[in-house]
């Protein structure tokens, strides 16, 4: 007796799952990268957490100009 409809199960062809390793690999890379970006965005204005802002921690403009020219 054959069943039809939702009860009928078909065998999964492994040829149709060739995309799976690529997707899993991308997810394994994307999760830590997105986590790091979220962490960086959450503490962005602070150079030293809860102590200095980026603007307070930066050097004078003249010193940064010399560094820029040297690069």
Protein backbone atom coordinates (compact mmCIF):
# COMPACT_ATOMS: atom_id res chain seq x y z
CA UNK A 1 0.00 0.00 0.00
CA UNK A 2 1.43 3.34 -1.04
CA UNK A 3 0.80 6.49 0.89
CA UNK A 4 0.37 9.82 -0.81
CA UNK A 5 0.64 13.39 0.30
CA UNK A 6 2.37 14.49 3.49
CA UNK A 7 3.02 10.96 4.75
CA UNK A 8 5.10 9.95 1.77
CA UNK A 9 8.85 10.31 2.46
CA UNK A 10 11.43 10.73 -0.23
CA UNK A 11 15.11 9.92 0.01
CA UNK A 12 17.36 12.96 0.18
CA UNK A 13 19.76 13.19 -2.71
CA UNK A 14 23.20 14.30 -1.50
CA UNK A 15 23.78 15.99 -4.85
CA UNK A 16 21.26 18.63 -3.84
CA UNK A 17 23.16 19.43 -0.61
CA UNK A 18 26.42 20.54 -2.22
CA UNK A 19 25.72 24.11 -1.09
CA UNK A 20 25.69 23.18 2.61
CA UNK A 21 29.48 23.34 3.35
CA UNK A 22 29.76 26.76 1.72
CA UNK A 23 26.88 28.16 3.74
CA UNK A 24 28.12 26.64 7.00
CA UNK A 25 31.62 28.01 6.38
CA UNK A 26 30.29 31.50 5.71
CA UNK A 27 28.16 31.42 8.84
CA UNK A 28 31.13 30.28 10.94
CA UNK A 29 33.11 33.27 9.67
CA UNK A 30 30.27 35.80 9.80
CA UNK A 31 29.20 35.22 13.41
CA UNK A 32 32.50 36.23 15.09
CA UNK A 33 33.03 39.10 12.63
CA UNK A 34 29.58 40.51 13.31
CA UNK A 35 30.13 40.04 17.05
CA UNK A 36 33.38 42.00 16.88
CA UNK A 37 31.71 44.78 14.87
CA UNK A 38 28.91 44.97 17.43
CA UNK A 39 31.41 45.18 20.27
CA UNK A 40 33.39 47.88 18.47
CA UNK A 41 30.23 49.90 17.85
CA UNK A 42 29.17 49.66 21.47
CA UNK A 43 32.43 51.07 22.86
CA UNK A 44 33.30 53.31 19.88
CA UNK A 45 33.80 56.73 21.47
CA UNK A 46 35.94 55.40 24.30
CA UNK A 47 39.68 54.86 23.80
CA UNK A 48 40.09 53.37 27.25
CA UNK A 49 36.83 51.93 28.53
CA UNK A 50 35.08 54.39 30.90
CA UNK A 51 38.20 56.65 31.11
CA UNK A 52 39.18 58.45 27.89
CA UNK A 53 37.38 59.32 24.71
CA UNK A 54 39.14 58.94 21.38
CA UNK A 55 39.54 62.71 21.15
CA UNK A 56 41.18 62.93 24.58
CA UNK A 57 43.55 60.05 23.80
CA UNK A 58 44.63 61.42 20.38
CA UNK A 59 47.84 63.36 19.85
CA UNK A 60 47.98 66.99 18.83
CA UNK A 61 47.09 67.81 15.24
CA UNK A 62 50.66 68.83 14.39
CA UNK A 63 52.05 65.50 15.57
CA UNK A 64 49.42 63.58 13.61
CA UNK A 65 50.30 65.61 10.49
CA UNK A 66 53.97 64.61 10.80
CA UNK A 67 52.94 60.97 11.15
CA UNK A 68 50.65 61.24 8.12
CA UNK A 69 53.43 62.71 5.99
CA UNK A 70 55.84 60.02 7.18
CA UNK A 71 53.49 57.28 6.07
